[in-house]
């Protein structure tokens, strides 16, 4: 993932706040990005669309091997079978996750 994700995330956060609803988009790498407004913050979710294979054990192992670095991203399995990493952020954090944060999410999923 590249620095464009912050711009996309900021745009999605603005749309989510405006409509008080989840805003979603797909990155250039094919990952799905969701932003859900919550009070003074938001839930940011990065994931694989349904149908993409991901072994839960592999994801949990990768995340568990470096909890200090990966702990902010919480794995979630959606009803449609898609896997996401969810992170609770303040509004300012949601619009300013650094490249390492995005790269880590992609690394955990891919």
PDB file of N, CA and C in Angstrom:
ATOM      1  N   UNK A   1       0.850  -1.166   0.000  1.00  0.00           N
ATOM      2  CA  UNK A   1       0.000   0.000   0.000  1.00  0.00           C
ATOM      3  C   UNK A   1       0.899   1.233   0.000  1.00  0.00           C
ATOM      4  N   UNK A   2       0.414   2.308  -0.555  1.00  0.00           N
ATOM      5  CA  UNK A   2       1.251   3.499  -0.651  1.00  0.00           C
ATOM      6  C   UNK A   2       0.646   4.667   0.110  1.00  0.00           C
ATOM      7  N   UNK A   3       1.283   5.828   0.017  1.00  0.00           N
ATOM      8  CA  UNK A   3       0.834   6.996   0.776  1.00  0.00           C
ATOM      9  C   UNK A   3      -0.549   7.489   0.362  1.00  0.00           C
ATOM     10  N   UNK A   4      -1.060   7.034  -0.758  1.00  0.00           N
ATOM     11  CA  UNK A   4      -2.392   7.419  -1.193  1.00  0.00           C
ATOM     12  C   UNK A   4      -3.492   6.901  -0.289  1.00  0.00           C
ATOM     13  N   UNK A   5      -3.176   5.894   0.528  1.00  0.00           N
ATOM     14  CA  UNK A   5      -4.184   5.351   1.434  1.00  0.00           C
ATOM     15  C   UNK A   5      -4.619   6.380   2.467  1.00  0.00           C
ATOM     16  N   UNK A   6      -3.698   7.236   2.934  1.00  0.00           N
ATOM     17  CA  UNK A   6      -4.094   8.274   3.886  1.00  0.00           C
ATOM     18  C   UNK A   6      -5.073   9.247   3.259  1.00  0.00           C
ATOM     19  N   UNK A   7      -4.827   9.631   2.016  1.00  0.00           N
ATOM     20  CA  UNK A   7      -5.744  10.521   1.311  1.00  0.00           C
ATOM     21  C   UNK A   7      -7.097   9.843   1.148  1.00  0.00           C
ATOM     22  N   UNK A   8      -7.077   8.585   0.741  1.00  0.00           N
ATOM     23  CA  UNK A   8      -8.313   7.825   0.575  1.00  0.00           C
ATOM     24  C   UNK A   8      -9.031   7.673   1.907  1.00  0.00           C
ATOM     25  N   UNK A   9      -8.294   7.357   2.955  1.00  0.00           N
ATOM     26  CA  UNK A   9      -8.890   7.186   4.280  1.00  0.00           C
ATOM     27  C   UNK A   9      -9.507   8.495   4.770  1.00  0.00           C
ATOM     28  N   UNK A  10      -8.814   9.612   4.578  1.00  0.00           N
ATOM     29  CA  UNK A  10      -9.349  10.919   4.985  1.00  0.00           C
ATOM     30  C   UNK A  10     -10.635  11.233   4.225  1.00  0.00           C
ATOM     31  N   UNK A  11     -10.652  10.934   2.927  1.00  0.00           N
ATOM     32  CA  UNK A  11     -11.852  11.149   2.116  1.00  0.00           C
ATOM     33  C   UNK A  11     -12.999  10.264   2.616  1.00  0.00           C
ATOM     34  N   UNK A  12     -12.699   8.993   2.870  1.00  0.00           N
ATOM     35  CA  UNK A  12     -13.735   8.078   3.362  1.00  0.00           C
ATOM     36  C   UNK A  12     -14.254   8.512   4.726  1.00  0.00           C
ATOM     37  N   UNK A  13     -13.360   8.987   5.585  1.00  0.00           N
ATOM     38  CA  UNK A  13     -13.782   9.458   6.903  1.00  0.00           C
ATOM     39  C   UNK A  13     -14.732  10.647   6.767  1.00  0.00           C
ATOM     40  N   UNK A  14     -14.414  11.578   5.882  1.00  0.00           N
ATOM     41  CA  UNK A  14     -15.290  12.735   5.657  1.00  0.00           C
ATOM     42  C   UNK A  14     -16.651  12.282   5.135  1.00  0.00           C
ATOM     43  N   UNK A  15     -16.662  11.347   4.194  1.00  0.00           N
ATOM     44  CA  UNK A  15     -17.921  10.829   3.649  1.00  0.00           C
ATOM     45  C   UNK A  15     -18.711  10.078   4.719  1.00  0.00           C
ATOM     46  N   UNK A  16     -18.014   9.280   5.519  1.00  0.00           N
ATOM     47  CA  UNK A  16     -18.678   8.516   6.577  1.00  0.00           C
ATOM     48  C   UNK A  16     -19.315   9.451   7.598  1.00  0.00           C
ATOM     49  N   UNK A  17     -18.600  10.505   7.973  1.00  0.00           N
ATOM     50  CA  UNK A  17     -19.143  11.483   8.924  1.00  0.00           C
ATOM     51  C   UNK A  17     -20.341  12.226   8.322  1.00  0.00           C
ATOM     52  N   UNK A  18     -20.216  12.634   7.062  1.00  0.00           N
ATOM     53  CA  UNK A  18     -21.277  13.377   6.392  1.00  0.00           C
ATOM     54  C   UNK A  18     -22.574  12.574   6.347  1.00  0.00           C
ATOM     55  N   UNK A  19     -22.467  11.300   6.033  1.00  0.00           N
ATOM     56  CA  UNK A  19     -23.648  10.451   5.864  1.00  0.00           C
ATOM     57  C   UNK A  19     -23.944   9.588   7.083  1.00  0.00           C
ATOM     58  N   UNK A  20     -23.104   9.685   8.114  1.00  0.00           N
ATOM     59  CA  UNK A  20     -23.233   8.862   9.318  1.00  0.00           C
ATOM     60  C   UNK A  20     -23.416   7.392   8.948  1.00  0.00           C
ATOM     61  N   UNK A  21     -22.505   6.928   8.107  1.00  0.00           N
ATOM     62  CA  UNK A  21     -22.577   5.556   7.604  1.00  0.00           C
ATOM     63  C   UNK A  21     -21.173   5.069   7.267  1.00  0.00           C
ATOM     64  N   UNK A  22     -21.065   3.798   7.005  1.00  0.00           N
ATOM     65  CA  UNK A  22     -19.789   3.220   6.580  1.00  0.00           C
ATOM     66  C   UNK A  22     -19.457   3.717   5.177  1.00  0.00           C
ATOM     67  N   UNK A  23     -18.200   4.079   4.969  1.00  0.00           N
ATOM     68  CA  UNK A  23     -17.712   4.442   3.634  1.00  0.00           C
ATOM     69  C   UNK A  23     -16.657   3.410   3.251  1.00  0.00           C
ATOM     70  N   UNK A  24     -16.636   3.012   1.981  1.00  0.00           N
ATOM     71  CA  UNK A  24     -15.726   1.949   1.545  1.00  0.00           C
ATOM     72  C   UNK A  24     -15.126   2.264   0.185  1.00  0.00           C
ATOM     73  N   UNK A  25     -13.959   1.683  -0.050  1.00  0.00           N
ATOM     74  CA  UNK A  25     -13.277   1.812  -1.343  1.00  0.00           C
ATOM     75  C   UNK A  25     -12.328   0.629  -1.494  1.00  0.00           C
ATOM     76  N   UNK A  26     -11.812   0.457  -2.694  1.00  0.00           N
ATOM     77  CA  UNK A  26     -10.829  -0.586  -2.974  1.00  0.00           C
ATOM     78  C   UNK A  26      -9.512   0.082  -3.346  1.00  0.00           C
ATOM     79  N   UNK A  27      -8.410  -0.403  -2.756  1.00  0.00           N
ATOM     80  CA  UNK A  27      -7.093   0.167  -3.044  1.00  0.00           C
ATOM     81  C   UNK A  27      -6.574  -0.369  -4.375  1.00  0.00           C
ATOM     82  N   UNK A  28      -5.483   0.219  -4.837  1.00  0.00           N
ATOM     83  CA  UNK A  28      -4.851  -0.237  -6.079  1.00  0.00           C
ATOM     84  C   UNK A  28      -4.406  -1.694  -5.986  1.00  0.00           C
ATOM     85  N   UNK A  29      -4.105  -2.163  -4.769  1.00  0.00           N
ATOM     86  CA  UNK A  29      -3.661  -3.543  -4.561  1.00  0.00           C
ATOM     87  C   UNK A  29      -4.829  -4.522  -4.451  1.00  0.00           C
ATOM     88  N   UNK A  30      -6.058  -4.015  -4.526  1.00  0.00           N
ATOM     89  CA  UNK A  30      -7.226  -4.882  -4.440  1.00  0.00           C
ATOM     90  C   UNK A  30      -7.728  -5.111  -3.026  1.00  0.00           C
ATOM     91  N   UNK A  31      -7.151  -4.426  -2.052  1.00  0.00           N
ATOM     92  CA  UNK A  31      -7.636  -4.535  -0.682  1.00  0.00           C
ATOM     93  C   UNK A  31      -8.830  -3.607  -0.501  1.00  0.00           C
ATOM     94  N   UNK A  32      -9.754  -4.017   0.343  1.00  0.00           N
ATOM     95  CA  UNK A  32     -10.924  -3.194   0.651  1.00  0.00           C
ATOM     96  C   UNK A  32     -10.614  -2.344   1.869  1.00  0.00           C
ATOM     97  N   UNK A  33     -11.069  -1.109   1.851  1.00  0.00           N
ATOM     98  CA  UNK A  33     -10.874  -0.185   2.958  1.00  0.00           C
ATOM     99  C   UNK A  33     -12.244   0.319   3.388  1.00  0.00           C
ATOM    100  N   UNK A  34     -12.563   0.142   4.674  1.00  0.00           N
ATOM    101  CA  UNK A  34     -13.813   0.626   5.249  1.00  0.00           C
ATOM    102  C   UNK A  34     -13.484   1.624   6.346  1.00  0.00           C
ATOM    103  N   UNK A  35     -14.300   2.654   6.463  1.00  0.00           N
ATOM    104  CA  UNK A  35     -14.188   3.592   7.576  1.00  0.00           C
ATOM    105  C   UNK A  35     -15.582   3.746   8.167  1.00  0.00           C
ATOM    106  N   UNK A  36     -15.681   3.543   9.485  1.00  0.00           N
ATOM    107  CA  UNK A  36     -16.950   3.634  10.195  1.00  0.00           C
ATOM    108  C   UNK A  36     -16.798   4.676  11.302  1.00  0.00           C
ATOM    109  N   UNK A  37     -17.567   5.770  11.249  1.00  0.00           N
ATOM    110  CA  UNK A  37     -17.429   6.815  12.268  1.00  0.00           C
ATOM    111  C   UNK A  37     -17.958   6.353  13.621  1.00  0.00           C
ATOM    112  N   UNK A  38     -17.254   6.755  14.675  1.00  0.00           N
ATOM    113  CA  UNK A  38     -17.668   6.446  16.045  1.00  0.00           C
ATOM    114  C   UNK A  38     -17.291   7.608  16.945  1.00  0.00           C
ATOM    115  N   UNK A  39     -18.238   8.385  17.378  1.00  0.00           N
ATOM    116  CA  UNK A  39     -17.945   9.492  18.280  1.00  0.00           C
ATOM    117  C   UNK A  39     -16.852  10.391  17.736  1.00  0.00           C
ATOM    118  N   UNK A  40     -15.770  10.524  18.499  1.00  0.00           N
ATOM    119  CA  UNK A  40     -14.638  11.363  18.091  1.00  0.00           C
ATOM    120  C   UNK A  40     -13.572  10.568  17.350  1.00  0.00           C
ATOM    121  N   UNK A  41     -13.920   9.395  16.890  1.00  0.00           N
ATOM    122  CA  UNK A  41     -12.954   8.556  16.191  1.00  0.00           C
ATOM    123  C   UNK A  41     -13.619   7.749  15.101  1.00  0.00           C
ATOM    124  N   UNK A  42     -12.935   6.704  14.710  1.00  0.00           N
ATOM    125  CA  UNK A  42     -13.463   5.857  13.643  1.00  0.00           C
ATOM    126  C   UNK A  42     -12.842   4.474  13.736  1.00  0.00           C
ATOM    127  N   UNK A  43     -13.547   3.513  13.172  1.00  0.00           N
ATOM    128  CA  UNK A  43     -12.967   2.198  12.952  1.00  0.00           C
ATOM    129  C   UNK A  43     -12.486   2.178  11.511  1.00  0.00           C
ATOM    130  N   UNK A  44     -11.240   1.816  11.322  1.00  0.00           N
ATOM    131  CA  UNK A  44     -10.665   1.679   9.989  1.00  0.00           C
ATOM    132  C   UNK A  44     -10.443   0.192   9.778  1.00  0.00           C
ATOM    133  N   UNK A  45     -10.941  -0.333   8.675  1.00  0.00           N
ATOM    134  CA  UNK A  45     -10.788  -1.759   8.379  1.00  0.00           C
ATOM    135  C   UNK A  45     -10.159  -1.928   7.004  1.00  0.00           C
ATOM    136  N   UNK A  46      -9.155  -2.779   6.934  1.00  0.00           N
ATOM    137  CA  UNK A  46      -8.482  -3.116   5.682  1.00  0.00           C
ATOM    138  C   UNK A  46      -8.650  -4.610   5.505  1.00  0.00           C
ATOM    139  N   UNK A  47      -9.102  -5.032   4.322  1.00  0.00           N
ATOM    140  CA  UNK A  47      -9.333  -6.458   4.180  1.00  0.00           C
ATOM    141  C   UNK A  47      -9.323  -6.981   2.775  1.00  0.00           C
ATOM    142  N   UNK A  48      -9.474  -8.288   2.732  1.00  0.00           N
ATOM    143  CA  UNK A  48      -9.553  -9.017   1.473  1.00  0.00           C
ATOM    144  C   UNK A  48     -11.011  -9.216   1.117  1.00  0.00           C
ATOM    145  N   UNK A  49     -11.378  -9.035  -0.137  1.00  0.00           N
ATOM    146  CA  UNK A  49     -12.762  -9.298  -0.526  1.00  0.00           C
ATOM    147  C   UNK A  49     -13.105 -10.772  -0.347  1.00  0.00           C
ATOM    148  N   UNK A  50     -14.386 -11.054  -0.215  1.00  0.00           N
ATOM    149  CA  UNK A  50     -14.838 -12.443  -0.094  1.00  0.00           C
ATOM    150  C   UNK A  50     -14.334 -13.231  -1.291  1.00  0.00           C
ATOM    151  N   UNK A  51     -13.971 -14.465  -1.045  1.00  0.00           N
ATOM    152  CA  UNK A  51     -13.476 -15.313  -2.116  1.00  0.00           C
ATOM    153  C   UNK A  51     -11.964 -15.380  -2.167  1.00  0.00           C
ATOM    154  N   UNK A  52     -11.275 -14.411  -1.574  1.00  0.00           N
ATOM    155  CA  UNK A  52      -9.814 -14.460  -1.496  1.00  0.00           C
ATOM    156  C   UNK A  52      -9.442 -15.362  -0.327  1.00  0.00           C
ATOM    157  N   UNK A  53      -8.520 -16.250  -0.541  1.00  0.00           N
ATOM    158  CA  UNK A  53      -8.151 -17.222   0.474  1.00  0.00           C
ATOM    159  C   UNK A  53      -7.185 -16.622   1.490  1.00  0.00           C
ATOM    160  N   UNK A  54      -7.498 -16.841   2.748  1.00  0.00           N
ATOM    161  CA  UNK A  54      -6.617 -16.442   3.835  1.00  0.00           C
ATOM    162  C   UNK A  54      -6.765 -17.482   4.932  1.00  0.00           C
ATOM    163  N   UNK A  55      -5.663 -18.021   5.375  1.00  0.00           N
ATOM    164  CA  UNK A  55      -5.703 -18.985   6.470  1.00  0.00           C
ATOM    165  C   UNK A  55      -5.673 -18.219   7.786  1.00  0.00           C
ATOM    166  N   UNK A  56      -6.706 -18.435   8.593  1.00  0.00           N
ATOM    167  CA  UNK A  56      -6.805 -17.732   9.870  1.00  0.00           C
ATOM    168  C   UNK A  56      -5.578 -17.996  10.732  1.00  0.00           C
ATOM    169  N   UNK A  57      -5.118 -19.238  10.767  1.00  0.00           N
ATOM    170  CA  UNK A  57      -3.962 -19.583  11.595  1.00  0.00           C
ATOM    171  C   UNK A  57      -2.725 -18.797  11.165  1.00  0.00           C
ATOM    172  N   UNK A  58      -2.545 -18.626   9.864  1.00  0.00           N
ATOM    173  CA  UNK A  58      -1.382 -17.888   9.361  1.00  0.00           C
ATOM    174  C   UNK A  58      -1.474 -16.415   9.759  1.00  0.00           C
ATOM    175  N   UNK A  59      -2.651 -15.823   9.609  1.00  0.00           N
ATOM    176  CA  UNK A  59      -2.843 -14.425   9.989  1.00  0.00           C
ATOM    177  C   UNK A  59      -2.583 -14.238  11.479  1.00  0.00           C
ATOM    178  N   UNK A  60      -3.167 -15.104  12.298  1.00  0.00           N
ATOM    179  CA  UNK A  60      -2.998 -14.985  13.745  1.00  0.00           C
ATOM    180  C   UNK A  60      -1.548 -15.219  14.159  1.00  0.00           C
ATOM    181  N   UNK A  61      -0.878 -16.141  13.491  1.00  0.00           N
ATOM    182  CA  UNK A  61       0.531 -16.400  13.792  1.00  0.00           C
ATOM    183  C   UNK A  61       1.387 -15.178  13.456  1.00  0.00           C
ATOM    184  N   UNK A  62       1.166 -14.600  12.276  1.00  0.00           N
ATOM    185  CA  UNK A  62       1.936 -13.414  11.881  1.00  0.00           C
ATOM    186  C   UNK A  62       1.691 -12.262  12.858  1.00  0.00           C
ATOM    187  N   UNK A  63       0.428 -12.057  13.217  1.00  0.00           N
ATOM    188  CA  UNK A  63       0.094 -10.971  14.148  1.00  0.00           C
ATOM    189  C   UNK A  63       0.679 -11.250  15.522  1.00  0.00           C
ATOM    190  N   UNK A  64       0.543 -12.493  15.994  1.00  0.00           N
ATOM    191  CA  UNK A  64       1.026 -12.860  17.323  1.00  0.00           C
ATOM    192  C   UNK A  64       2.534 -12.881  17.457  1.00  0.00           C
ATOM    193  N   UNK A  65       3.238 -13.018  16.353  1.00  0.00           N
ATOM    194  CA  UNK A  65       4.699 -13.068  16.422  1.00  0.00           C
ATOM    195  C   UNK A  65       5.314 -11.707  16.751  1.00  0.00           C
ATOM    196  N   UNK A  66       4.549 -10.638  16.595  1.00  0.00           N
ATOM    197  CA  UNK A  66       5.041  -9.296  16.928  1.00  0.00           C
ATOM    198  C   UNK A  66       3.862  -8.427  17.375  1.00  0.00           C
ATOM    199  N   UNK A  67       3.338  -8.741  18.555  1.00  0.00           N
ATOM    200  CA  UNK A  67       2.143  -8.056  19.055  1.00  0.00           C
ATOM    201  C   UNK A  67       2.400  -6.563  19.264  1.00  0.00           C
ATOM    202  N   UNK A  68       3.594  -6.218  19.669  1.00  0.00           N
ATOM    203  CA  UNK A  68       3.897  -4.791  19.889  1.00  0.00           C
ATOM    204  C   UNK A  68       3.683  -4.000  18.600  1.00  0.00           C
ATOM    205  N   UNK A  69       4.131  -4.549  17.489  1.00  0.00           N
ATOM    206  CA  UNK A  69       4.025  -3.863  16.197  1.00  0.00           C
ATOM    207  C   UNK A  69       2.647  -4.054  15.559  1.00  0.00           C
ATOM    208  N   UNK A  70       2.069  -5.237  15.721  1.00  0.00           N
ATOM    209  CA  UNK A  70       0.839  -5.598  15.000  1.00  0.00           C
ATOM    210  C   UNK A  70      -0.429  -5.507  15.843  1.00  0.00           C
ATOM    211  N   UNK A  71      -0.287  -5.290  17.141  1.00  0.00           N
ATOM    212  CA  UNK A  71      -1.414  -5.392  18.057  1.00  0.00           C
ATOM    213  C   UNK A  71      -2.572  -4.446  17.808  1.00  0.00           C
ATOM    214  N   UNK A  72      -2.312  -3.296  17.196  1.00  0.00           N
ATOM    215  CA  UNK A  72      -3.397  -2.333  16.957  1.00  0.00           C
ATOM    216  C   UNK A  72      -4.367  -2.815  15.885  1.00  0.00           C
ATOM    217  N   UNK A  73      -3.909  -3.716  15.013  1.00  0.00           N
ATOM    218  CA  UNK A  73      -4.775  -4.266  13.963  1.00  0.00           C
ATOM    219  C   UNK A  73      -5.434  -5.544  14.486  1.00  0.00           C
ATOM    220  N   UNK A  74      -6.746  -5.525  14.654  1.00  0.00           N
ATOM    221  CA  UNK A  74      -7.485  -6.672  15.183  1.00  0.00           C
ATOM    222  C   UNK A  74      -8.138  -7.442  14.046  1.00  0.00           C
ATOM    223  N   UNK A  75      -7.885  -8.751  13.948  1.00  0.00           N
ATOM    224  CA  UNK A  75      -8.483  -9.536  12.866  1.00  0.00           C
ATOM    225  C   UNK A  75      -9.989  -9.717  13.073  1.00  0.00           C
ATOM    226  N   UNK A  76     -10.718  -9.686  11.980  1.00  0.00           N
ATOM    227  CA  UNK A  76     -12.170  -9.884  12.019  1.00  0.00           C
ATOM    228  C   UNK A  76     -12.607 -10.650  10.778  1.00  0.00           C
ATOM    229  N   UNK A  77     -13.501 -11.597  10.970  1.00  0.00           N
ATOM    230  CA  UNK A  77     -14.094 -12.359   9.870  1.00  0.00           C
ATOM    231  C   UNK A  77     -15.512 -11.840   9.670  1.00  0.00           C
ATOM    232  N   UNK A  78     -15.799 -11.292   8.500  1.00  0.00           N
ATOM    233  CA  UNK A  78     -17.124 -10.757   8.210  1.00  0.00           C
ATOM    234  C   UNK A  78     -18.065 -11.892   7.803  1.00  0.00           C
ATOM    235  N   UNK A  79     -19.362 -11.614   7.849  1.00  0.00           N
ATOM    236  CA  UNK A  79     -20.379 -12.625   7.527  1.00  0.00           C
ATOM    237  C   UNK A  79     -20.226 -13.231   6.141  1.00  0.00           C
ATOM    238  N   UNK A  80     -19.694 -12.461   5.203  1.00  0.00           N
ATOM    239  CA  UNK A  80     -19.562 -12.967   3.834  1.00  0.00           C
ATOM    240  C   UNK A  80     -18.297 -13.804   3.629  1.00  0.00           C
ATOM    241  N   UNK A  81     -17.537 -14.038   4.706  1.00  0.00           N
ATOM    242  CA  UNK A  81     -16.328 -14.846   4.613  1.00  0.00           C
ATOM    243  C   UNK A  81     -15.070 -14.049   4.333  1.00  0.00           C
ATOM    244  N   UNK A  82     -15.175 -12.737   4.269  1.00  0.00           N
ATOM    245  CA  UNK A  82     -13.997 -11.906   4.009  1.00  0.00           C
ATOM    246  C   UNK A  82     -13.275 -11.598   5.325  1.00  0.00           C
ATOM    247  N   UNK A  83     -11.949 -11.493   5.228  1.00  0.00           N
ATOM    248  CA  UNK A  83     -11.112 -11.186   6.390  1.00  0.00           C
ATOM    249  C   UNK A  83     -10.708  -9.722   6.378  1.00  0.00           C
ATOM    250  N   UNK A  84     -10.742  -9.110   7.552  1.00  0.00           N
ATOM    251  CA  UNK A  84     -10.353  -7.712   7.709  1.00  0.00           C
ATOM    252  C   UNK A  84      -9.479  -7.543   8.938  1.00  0.00           C
ATOM    253  N   UNK A  85      -8.671  -6.519   8.893  1.00  0.00           N
ATOM    254  CA  UNK A  85      -7.947  -6.049  10.066  1.00  0.00           C
ATOM    255  C   UNK A  85      -8.592  -4.727  10.439  1.00  0.00           C
ATOM    256  N   UNK A  86      -9.037  -4.620  11.684  1.00  0.00           N
ATOM    257  CA  UNK A  86      -9.779  -3.449  12.137  1.00  0.00           C
ATOM    258  C   UNK A  86      -8.934  -2.705  13.166  1.00  0.00           C
ATOM    259  N   UNK A  87      -8.954  -1.403  13.063  1.00  0.00           N
ATOM    260  CA  UNK A  87      -8.178  -0.566  13.978  1.00  0.00           C
ATOM    261  C   UNK A  87      -9.039   0.602  14.428  1.00  0.00           C
ATOM    262  N   UNK A  88      -9.100   0.835  15.737  1.00  0.00           N
ATOM    263  CA  UNK A  88      -9.829   1.981  16.291  1.00  0.00           C
ATOM    264  C   UNK A  88      -8.872   3.171  16.310  1.00  0.00           C
ATOM    265  N   UNK A  89      -9.303   4.281  15.732  1.00  0.00           N
ATOM    266  CA  UNK A  89      -8.448   5.471  15.621  1.00  0.00           C
ATOM    267  C   UNK A  89      -9.226   6.717  16.019  1.00  0.00           C
ATOM    268  N   UNK A  90      -8.502   7.711  16.509  1.00  0.00           N
ATOM    269  CA  UNK A  90      -9.114   9.033  16.640  1.00  0.00           C
ATOM    270  C   UNK A  90      -9.261   9.576  15.220  1.00  0.00           C
ATOM    271  N   UNK A  91     -10.040  10.627  15.048  1.00  0.00           N
ATOM    272  CA  UNK A  91     -10.199  11.198  13.705  1.00  0.00           C
ATOM    273  C   UNK A  91      -8.852  11.587  13.106  1.00  0.00           C
ATOM    274  N   UNK A  92      -7.987  12.187  13.912  1.00  0.00           N
ATOM    275  CA  UNK A  92      -6.688  12.615  13.384  1.00  0.00           C
ATOM    276  C   UNK A  92      -5.815  11.415  13.034  1.00  0.00           C
ATOM    277  N   UNK A  93      -5.876  10.344  13.816  1.00  0.00           N
ATOM    278  CA  UNK A  93      -5.099   9.140  13.506  1.00  0.00           C
ATOM    279  C   UNK A  93      -5.604   8.471  12.238  1.00  0.00           C
ATOM    280  N   UNK A  94      -6.915   8.416  12.067  1.00  0.00           N
ATOM    281  CA  UNK A  94      -7.493   7.740  10.904  1.00  0.00           C
ATOM    282  C   UNK A  94      -7.031   8.382   9.608  1.00  0.00           C
ATOM    283  N   UNK A  95      -6.828   9.681   9.642  1.00  0.00           N
ATOM    284  CA  UNK A  95      -6.395  10.386   8.435  1.00  0.00           C
ATOM    285  C   UNK A  95      -4.876  10.468   8.329  1.00  0.00           C
ATOM    286  N   UNK A  96      -4.162   9.926   9.323  1.00  0.00           N
ATOM    287  CA  UNK A  96      -2.708  10.087   9.319  1.00  0.00           C
ATOM    288  C   UNK A  96      -1.947   8.812   9.670  1.00  0.00           C
ATOM    289  N   UNK A  97      -2.521   7.652   9.370  1.00  0.00           N
ATOM    290  CA  UNK A  97      -1.752   6.424   9.561  1.00  0.00           C
ATOM    291  C   UNK A  97      -0.542   6.498   8.639  1.00  0.00           C
ATOM    292  N   UNK A  98       0.609   6.079   9.127  1.00  0.00           N
ATOM    293  CA  UNK A  98       1.795   6.216   8.282  1.00  0.00           C
ATOM    294  C   UNK A  98       1.943   5.029   7.326  1.00  0.00           C
ATOM    295  N   UNK A  99       2.879   5.166   6.410  1.00  0.00           N
ATOM    296  CA  UNK A  99       3.082   4.122   5.396  1.00  0.00           C
ATOM    297  C   UNK A  99       3.369   2.775   6.029  1.00  0.00           C
ATOM    298  N   UNK A 100       4.072   2.782   7.165  1.00  0.00           N
ATOM    299  CA  UNK A 100       4.368   1.522   7.848  1.00  0.00           C
ATOM    300  C   UNK A 100       3.093   0.845   8.342  1.00  0.00           C
ATOM    301  N   UNK A 101       2.121   1.639   8.813  1.00  0.00           N
ATOM    302  CA  UNK A 101       0.846   1.068   9.268  1.00  0.00           C
ATOM    303  C   UNK A 101       0.120   0.375   8.118  1.00  0.00           C
ATOM    304  N   UNK A 102       0.048   1.057   6.969  1.00  0.00           N
ATOM    305  CA  UNK A 102      -0.625   0.476   5.804  1.00  0.00           C
ATOM    306  C   UNK A 102       0.133  -0.748   5.297  1.00  0.00           C
ATOM    307  N   UNK A 103       1.463  -0.649   5.261  1.00  0.00           N
ATOM    308  CA  UNK A 103       2.281  -1.770   4.785  1.00  0.00           C
ATOM    309  C   UNK A 103       2.127  -2.969   5.707  1.00  0.00           C
ATOM    310  N   UNK A 104       2.055  -2.725   7.003  1.00  0.00           N
ATOM    311  CA  UNK A 104       1.883  -3.810   7.960  1.00  0.00           C
ATOM    312  C   UNK A 104       0.545  -4.511   7.753  1.00  0.00           C
ATOM    313  N   UNK A 105      -0.517  -3.744   7.567  1.00  0.00           N
ATOM    314  CA  UNK A 105      -1.833  -4.347   7.327  1.00  0.00           C
ATOM    315  C   UNK A 105      -1.798  -5.218   6.076  1.00  0.00           C
ATOM    316  N   UNK A 106      -1.212  -4.705   5.013  1.00  0.00           N
ATOM    317  CA  UNK A 106      -1.115  -5.484   3.773  1.00  0.00           C
ATOM    318  C   UNK A 106      -0.268  -6.729   3.982  1.00  0.00           C
ATOM    319  N   UNK A 107       0.836  -6.599   4.719  1.00  0.00           N
ATOM    320  CA  UNK A 107       1.717  -7.739   4.994  1.00  0.00           C
ATOM    321  C   UNK A 107       0.980  -8.829   5.766  1.00  0.00           C
ATOM    322  N   UNK A 108       0.187  -8.432   6.756  1.00  0.00           N
ATOM    323  CA  UNK A 108      -0.560  -9.413   7.544  1.00  0.00           C
ATOM    324  C   UNK A 108      -1.605 -10.138   6.704  1.00  0.00           C
ATOM    325  N   UNK A 109      -2.222  -9.427   5.782  1.00  0.00           N
ATOM    326  CA  UNK A 109      -3.285 -10.019   4.965  1.00  0.00           C
ATOM    327  C   UNK A 109      -2.767 -10.807   3.772  1.00  0.00           C
ATOM    328  N   UNK A 110      -1.689 -10.350   3.185  1.00  0.00           N
ATOM    329  CA  UNK A 110      -1.192 -10.968   1.962  1.00  0.00           C
ATOM    330  C   UNK A 110      -0.051 -11.855   2.302  1.00  0.00           C
TER     331      UNK A 110
END
